[in-house]
């Protein structure tokens, strides 16, 4: 058991997640290849009832026609909730009024940032590629993108860099890193 634990500790993040690689358009795992399409959300609060019904029907049509699609909703920005709670706890304990006021201002600033990015949700459609030859993949993906756009959805296929950003936000809660690593430790190697 100790040997298995040591082997697991020596695995890279990608190995632990089962990721074999990130291509220019997909995330490869041992079992399949996943392609991500970003869907720009519609502001349903300003749509008429008929417009909303038409949008729902369009989505239903897309999902019926493309049964291999999975839907994912993720944050495209960091969550400050943990930091805000920590600052509030510190402010309650702080005896120095000037420091307490600064902590409260910091918490208010985080509230302001979070309010500015409150709609920072990203809606993704995931298509798992199974059993297609390399020359068939792009025509298949182009057909999916065309179907989405023809049904009134603004869709964009993720690039390899977009996938790296998605993984960084999801696993690290990091949206401010300028360069995302192609392999574990890349940042350390090139910064030395």
C-alpha atoms as a PDB file:
ATOM      1  CA  UNK A   1       0.000   0.000   0.000  1.00  0.00           C
ATOM      2  CA  UNK A   2       2.847   2.397   0.808  1.00  0.00           C
ATOM      3  CA  UNK A   3       4.362   1.670  -2.627  1.00  0.00           C
ATOM      4  CA  UNK A   4       1.101   2.599  -4.391  1.00  0.00           C
ATOM      5  CA  UNK A   5       0.884   5.816  -2.355  1.00  0.00           C
ATOM      6  CA  UNK A   6       4.487   6.716  -3.290  1.00  0.00           C
ATOM      7  CA  UNK A   7       3.804   6.011  -6.979  1.00  0.00           C
ATOM      8  CA  UNK A   8       0.706   8.198  -6.819  1.00  0.00           C
ATOM      9  CA  UNK A   9       2.692  11.013  -5.149  1.00  0.00           C
ATOM     10  CA  UNK A  10       5.248  10.873  -7.970  1.00  0.00           C
ATOM     11  CA  UNK A  11       2.637  11.255 -10.713  1.00  0.00           C
ATOM     12  CA  UNK A  12       2.223  14.546 -12.526  1.00  0.00           C
ATOM     13  CA  UNK A  13      -1.051  16.443 -12.326  1.00  0.00           C
ATOM     14  CA  UNK A  14      -1.902  15.360 -15.847  1.00  0.00           C
ATOM     15  CA  UNK A  15      -1.288  11.701 -15.001  1.00  0.00           C
ATOM     16  CA  UNK A  16      -3.520  11.958 -11.928  1.00  0.00           C
ATOM     17  CA  UNK A  17      -6.277  13.496 -14.067  1.00  0.00           C
ATOM     18  CA  UNK A  18      -5.811  10.962 -16.853  1.00  0.00           C
ATOM     19  CA  UNK A  19      -4.856  13.609 -19.417  1.00  0.00           C
ATOM     20  CA  UNK A  20      -2.585  12.343 -22.156  1.00  0.00           C
ATOM     21  CA  UNK A  21      -2.254  15.649 -23.942  1.00  0.00           C
ATOM     22  CA  UNK A  22      -3.768  18.904 -25.151  1.00  0.00           C
ATOM     23  CA  UNK A  23      -3.881  19.389 -28.911  1.00  0.00           C
ATOM     24  CA  UNK A  24      -4.688  22.542 -30.861  1.00  0.00           C
ATOM     25  CA  UNK A  25      -8.396  21.743 -30.489  1.00  0.00           C
ATOM     26  CA  UNK A  26      -8.921  18.985 -27.887  1.00  0.00           C
ATOM     27  CA  UNK A  27      -8.126  17.345 -24.580  1.00  0.00           C
ATOM     28  CA  UNK A  28      -6.926  13.757 -25.008  1.00  0.00           C
ATOM     29  CA  UNK A  29      -7.445  11.081 -22.386  1.00  0.00           C
ATOM     30  CA  UNK A  30      -6.861   7.337 -22.482  1.00  0.00           C
ATOM     31  CA  UNK A  31     -10.503   6.652 -23.353  1.00  0.00           C
ATOM     32  CA  UNK A  32     -11.349   9.489 -25.760  1.00  0.00           C
ATOM     33  CA  UNK A  33     -10.749  12.982 -27.029  1.00  0.00           C
ATOM     34  CA  UNK A  34     -12.887  15.902 -25.815  1.00  0.00           C
ATOM     35  CA  UNK A  35     -13.565  19.012 -27.888  1.00  0.00           C
ATOM     36  CA  UNK A  36     -15.060  22.083 -26.206  1.00  0.00           C
ATOM     37  CA  UNK A  37     -17.418  24.631 -27.760  1.00  0.00           C
ATOM     38  CA  UNK A  38     -18.084  27.884 -25.936  1.00  0.00           C
ATOM     39  CA  UNK A  39     -21.670  29.116 -26.182  1.00  0.00           C
ATOM     40  CA  UNK A  40     -22.276  32.804 -25.643  1.00  0.00           C
ATOM     41  CA  UNK A  41     -25.222  33.075 -23.241  1.00  0.00           C
ATOM     42  CA  UNK A  42     -28.362  34.995 -24.154  1.00  0.00           C
ATOM     43  CA  UNK A  43     -29.798  37.591 -21.820  1.00  0.00           C
ATOM     44  CA  UNK A  44     -33.127  35.885 -21.195  1.00  0.00           C
ATOM     45  CA  UNK A  45     -34.309  38.626 -18.835  1.00  0.00           C
ATOM     46  CA  UNK A  46     -34.984  40.903 -21.825  1.00  0.00           C
ATOM     47  CA  UNK A  47     -36.488  38.252 -24.116  1.00  0.00           C
ATOM     48  CA  UNK A  48     -40.179  37.996 -24.778  1.00  0.00           C
ATOM     49  CA  UNK A  49     -41.972  34.803 -23.774  1.00  0.00           C
ATOM     50  CA  UNK A  50     -42.161  33.781 -27.450  1.00  0.00           C
ATOM     51  CA  UNK A  51     -38.449  34.498 -27.936  1.00  0.00           C
ATOM     52  CA  UNK A  52     -37.557  32.467 -24.867  1.00  0.00           C
ATOM     53  CA  UNK A  53     -39.723  29.565 -26.048  1.00  0.00           C
ATOM     54  CA  UNK A  54     -38.015  29.692 -29.450  1.00  0.00           C
ATOM     55  CA  UNK A  55     -34.564  29.656 -27.781  1.00  0.00           C
ATOM     56  CA  UNK A  56     -35.519  26.635 -25.663  1.00  0.00           C
ATOM     57  CA  UNK A  57     -36.881  24.849 -28.727  1.00  0.00           C
ATOM     58  CA  UNK A  58     -33.651  25.593 -30.635  1.00  0.00           C
ATOM     59  CA  UNK A  59     -31.556  24.155 -27.817  1.00  0.00           C
ATOM     60  CA  UNK A  60     -33.794  21.098 -27.688  1.00  0.00           C
ATOM     61  CA  UNK A  61     -33.357  20.632 -31.450  1.00  0.00           C
ATOM     62  CA  UNK A  62     -29.581  20.854 -31.169  1.00  0.00           C
ATOM     63  CA  UNK A  63     -29.463  18.387 -28.286  1.00  0.00           C
ATOM     64  CA  UNK A  64     -31.728  15.927 -30.108  1.00  0.00           C
ATOM     65  CA  UNK A  65     -29.605  16.084 -33.245  1.00  0.00           C
ATOM     66  CA  UNK A  66     -26.275  15.797 -31.455  1.00  0.00           C
ATOM     67  CA  UNK A  67     -26.734  13.156 -28.785  1.00  0.00           C
ATOM     68  CA  UNK A  68     -23.014  12.949 -28.030  1.00  0.00           C
ATOM     69  CA  UNK A  69     -22.959  16.476 -26.570  1.00  0.00           C
ATOM     70  CA  UNK A  70     -22.439  17.120 -22.854  1.00  0.00           C
ATOM     71  CA  UNK A  71     -23.208  20.487 -21.262  1.00  0.00           C
ATOM     72  CA  UNK A  72     -20.882  22.151 -18.774  1.00  0.00           C
ATOM     73  CA  UNK A  73     -21.305  25.444 -16.915  1.00  0.00           C
ATOM     74  CA  UNK A  74     -18.145  26.755 -15.274  1.00  0.00           C
ATOM     75  CA  UNK A  75     -16.901  29.929 -13.663  1.00  0.00           C
ATOM     76  CA  UNK A  76     -14.635  31.837 -15.981  1.00  0.00           C
ATOM     77  CA  UNK A  77     -13.359  33.937 -13.099  1.00  0.00           C
ATOM     78  CA  UNK A  78     -11.937  33.306  -9.669  1.00  0.00           C
ATOM     79  CA  UNK A  79     -14.178  32.977  -6.655  1.00  0.00           C
ATOM     80  CA  UNK A  80     -13.306  35.405  -3.860  1.00  0.00           C
ATOM     81  CA  UNK A  81     -15.646  33.852  -1.308  1.00  0.00           C
ATOM     82  CA  UNK A  82     -12.863  32.228   0.752  1.00  0.00           C
ATOM     83  CA  UNK A  83     -10.831  35.430   0.801  1.00  0.00           C
ATOM     84  CA  UNK A  84     -13.849  37.525   1.789  1.00  0.00           C
ATOM     85  CA  UNK A  85     -14.732  35.167   4.653  1.00  0.00           C
ATOM     86  CA  UNK A  86     -11.130  35.215   5.853  1.00  0.00           C
ATOM     87  CA  UNK A  87     -11.015  39.031   5.821  1.00  0.00           C
ATOM     88  CA  UNK A  88     -14.316  39.259   7.707  1.00  0.00           C
ATOM     89  CA  UNK A  89     -13.055  36.810  10.351  1.00  0.00           C
ATOM     90  CA  UNK A  90      -9.841  38.819  10.749  1.00  0.00           C
ATOM     91  CA  UNK A  91     -11.793  42.076  11.041  1.00  0.00           C
ATOM     92  CA  UNK A  92     -13.955  40.616  13.840  1.00  0.00           C
ATOM     93  CA  UNK A  93     -10.852  39.613  15.822  1.00  0.00           C
ATOM     94  CA  UNK A  94      -8.854  42.769  15.112  1.00  0.00           C
ATOM     95  CA  UNK A  95      -8.576  45.172  18.031  1.00  0.00           C
ATOM     96  CA  UNK A  96      -6.886  48.035  16.187  1.00  0.00           C
ATOM     97  CA  UNK A  97      -9.655  50.143  14.588  1.00  0.00           C
ATOM     98  CA  UNK A  98      -7.439  51.357  11.734  1.00  0.00           C
ATOM     99  CA  UNK A  99      -6.461  47.797  10.761  1.00  0.00           C
ATOM    100  CA  UNK A 100     -10.085  46.641  11.140  1.00  0.00           C
ATOM    101  CA  UNK A 101     -11.196  49.423   8.781  1.00  0.00           C
ATOM    102  CA  UNK A 102      -8.556  48.402   6.202  1.00  0.00           C
ATOM    103  CA  UNK A 103      -9.691  44.765   6.395  1.00  0.00           C
ATOM    104  CA  UNK A 104     -13.302  45.847   5.884  1.00  0.00           C
ATOM    105  CA  UNK A 105     -12.270  47.972   2.887  1.00  0.00           C
ATOM    106  CA  UNK A 106     -10.422  44.987   1.406  1.00  0.00           C
ATOM    107  CA  UNK A 107     -13.559  42.840   1.802  1.00  0.00           C
ATOM    108  CA  UNK A 108     -15.653  45.576   0.136  1.00  0.00           C
ATOM    109  CA  UNK A 109     -13.150  45.732  -2.725  1.00  0.00           C
ATOM    110  CA  UNK A 110     -13.461  41.967  -3.256  1.00  0.00           C
ATOM    111  CA  UNK A 111     -17.264  42.357  -3.202  1.00  0.00           C
ATOM    112  CA  UNK A 112     -16.965  45.021  -5.892  1.00  0.00           C
ATOM    113  CA  UNK A 113     -14.727  42.814  -8.068  1.00  0.00           C
ATOM    114  CA  UNK A 114     -17.085  39.866  -7.652  1.00  0.00           C
ATOM    115  CA  UNK A 115     -20.106  42.027  -8.533  1.00  0.00           C
ATOM    116  CA  UNK A 116     -18.340  43.197 -11.696  1.00  0.00           C
ATOM    117  CA  UNK A 117     -17.762  39.575 -12.735  1.00  0.00           C
ATOM    118  CA  UNK A 118     -21.050  38.147 -11.442  1.00  0.00           C
ATOM    119  CA  UNK A 119     -22.040  37.052 -14.912  1.00  0.00           C
ATOM    120  CA  UNK A 120     -18.677  35.442 -15.547  1.00  0.00           C
ATOM    121  CA  UNK A 121     -20.150  32.051 -16.291  1.00  0.00           C
ATOM    122  CA  UNK A 122     -19.128  30.095 -19.290  1.00  0.00           C
ATOM    123  CA  UNK A 123     -21.363  27.577 -21.001  1.00  0.00           C
ATOM    124  CA  UNK A 124     -19.550  24.804 -22.792  1.00  0.00           C
ATOM    125  CA  UNK A 125     -20.660  21.958 -24.942  1.00  0.00           C
ATOM    126  CA  UNK A 126     -18.324  18.992 -24.843  1.00  0.00           C
ATOM    127  CA  UNK A 127     -18.122  16.584 -27.739  1.00  0.00           C
ATOM    128  CA  UNK A 128     -16.278  13.324 -27.165  1.00  0.00           C
ATOM    129  CA  UNK A 129     -14.644  12.005 -30.287  1.00  0.00           C
ATOM    130  CA  UNK A 130     -14.719   8.237 -30.520  1.00  0.00           C
ATOM    131  CA  UNK A 131     -13.923   6.034 -33.478  1.00  0.00           C
ATOM    132  CA  UNK A 132     -13.307   8.773 -36.050  1.00  0.00           C
ATOM    133  CA  UNK A 133     -10.319   8.889 -38.348  1.00  0.00           C
ATOM    134  CA  UNK A 134      -8.171  12.022 -38.244  1.00  0.00           C
ATOM    135  CA  UNK A 135      -9.438  13.245 -41.624  1.00  0.00           C
ATOM    136  CA  UNK A 136     -13.083  12.906 -40.461  1.00  0.00           C
ATOM    137  CA  UNK A 137     -12.692  14.836 -37.224  1.00  0.00           C
ATOM    138  CA  UNK A 138     -12.609  18.376 -38.603  1.00  0.00           C
ATOM    139  CA  UNK A 139     -15.574  17.947 -40.908  1.00  0.00           C
ATOM    140  CA  UNK A 140     -17.509  16.450 -37.974  1.00  0.00           C
ATOM    141  CA  UNK A 141     -16.569  19.373 -35.690  1.00  0.00           C
ATOM    142  CA  UNK A 142     -17.340  21.934 -38.397  1.00  0.00           C
ATOM    143  CA  UNK A 143     -20.774  20.358 -38.861  1.00  0.00           C
ATOM    144  CA  UNK A 144     -21.479  20.637 -35.122  1.00  0.00           C
ATOM    145  CA  UNK A 145     -20.361  24.272 -35.034  1.00  0.00           C
ATOM    146  CA  UNK A 146     -22.507  25.042 -38.091  1.00  0.00           C
ATOM    147  CA  UNK A 147     -25.543  23.334 -36.505  1.00  0.00           C
ATOM    148  CA  UNK A 148     -25.123  25.409 -33.334  1.00  0.00           C
ATOM    149  CA  UNK A 149     -24.806  28.673 -35.252  1.00  0.00           C
ATOM    150  CA  UNK A 150     -27.732  27.861 -37.552  1.00  0.00           C
ATOM    151  CA  UNK A 151     -29.919  27.327 -34.480  1.00  0.00           C
ATOM    152  CA  UNK A 152     -29.164  30.808 -33.157  1.00  0.00           C
ATOM    153  CA  UNK A 153     -26.287  30.042 -30.789  1.00  0.00           C
ATOM    154  CA  UNK A 154     -23.024  31.937 -30.968  1.00  0.00           C
ATOM    155  CA  UNK A 155     -20.567  29.039 -30.731  1.00  0.00           C
ATOM    156  CA  UNK A 156     -16.784  28.989 -30.820  1.00  0.00           C
ATOM    157  CA  UNK A 157     -14.524  25.951 -30.716  1.00  0.00           C
ATOM    158  CA  UNK A 158     -11.916  26.072 -27.963  1.00  0.00           C
ATOM    159  CA  UNK A 159      -8.256  26.156 -28.912  1.00  0.00           C
ATOM    160  CA  UNK A 160      -5.538  24.340 -26.966  1.00  0.00           C
ATOM    161  CA  UNK A 161      -4.780  27.571 -25.053  1.00  0.00           C
ATOM    162  CA  UNK A 162      -8.474  27.961 -24.169  1.00  0.00           C
ATOM    163  CA  UNK A 163      -8.462  24.405 -22.776  1.00  0.00           C
ATOM    164  CA  UNK A 164      -5.383  25.168 -20.660  1.00  0.00           C
ATOM    165  CA  UNK A 165      -7.132  28.265 -19.296  1.00  0.00           C
ATOM    166  CA  UNK A 166     -10.245  26.215 -18.497  1.00  0.00           C
ATOM    167  CA  UNK A 167      -8.171  23.674 -16.580  1.00  0.00           C
ATOM    168  CA  UNK A 168      -6.275  26.412 -14.736  1.00  0.00           C
ATOM    169  CA  UNK A 169      -9.486  28.133 -13.629  1.00  0.00           C
ATOM    170  CA  UNK A 170     -11.152  24.854 -12.660  1.00  0.00           C
ATOM    171  CA  UNK A 171      -8.260  23.246 -10.803  1.00  0.00           C
ATOM    172  CA  UNK A 172      -6.225  26.241  -9.613  1.00  0.00           C
ATOM    173  CA  UNK A 173      -8.904  28.980  -9.523  1.00  0.00           C
ATOM    174  CA  UNK A 174      -6.305  30.956 -11.473  1.00  0.00           C
ATOM    175  CA  UNK A 175      -7.308  33.375 -14.218  1.00  0.00           C
ATOM    176  CA  UNK A 176      -4.463  35.828 -13.888  1.00  0.00           C
ATOM    177  CA  UNK A 177      -1.518  33.683 -14.988  1.00  0.00           C
ATOM    178  CA  UNK A 178      -0.132  35.054 -18.230  1.00  0.00           C
ATOM    179  CA  UNK A 179       1.294  31.787 -19.548  1.00  0.00           C
ATOM    180  CA  UNK A 180      -0.247  28.421 -18.853  1.00  0.00           C
ATOM    181  CA  UNK A 181       2.056  25.463 -18.528  1.00  0.00           C
ATOM    182  CA  UNK A 182       2.359  22.842 -21.250  1.00  0.00           C
ATOM    183  CA  UNK A 183       3.739  20.416 -18.660  1.00  0.00           C
ATOM    184  CA  UNK A 184       4.023  20.298 -14.865  1.00  0.00           C
ATOM    185  CA  UNK A 185       6.780  22.586 -13.573  1.00  0.00           C
ATOM    186  CA  UNK A 186       7.349  24.441 -16.856  1.00  0.00           C
ATOM    187  CA  UNK A 187       7.092  27.807 -15.119  1.00  0.00           C
ATOM    188  CA  UNK A 188       9.829  26.843 -12.626  1.00  0.00           C
ATOM    189  CA  UNK A 189      12.196  25.604 -15.321  1.00  0.00           C
ATOM    190  CA  UNK A 190      11.968  28.745 -17.434  1.00  0.00           C
ATOM    191  CA  UNK A 191      11.991  31.202 -14.502  1.00  0.00           C
ATOM    192  CA  UNK A 192      15.265  29.902 -13.034  1.00  0.00           C
END
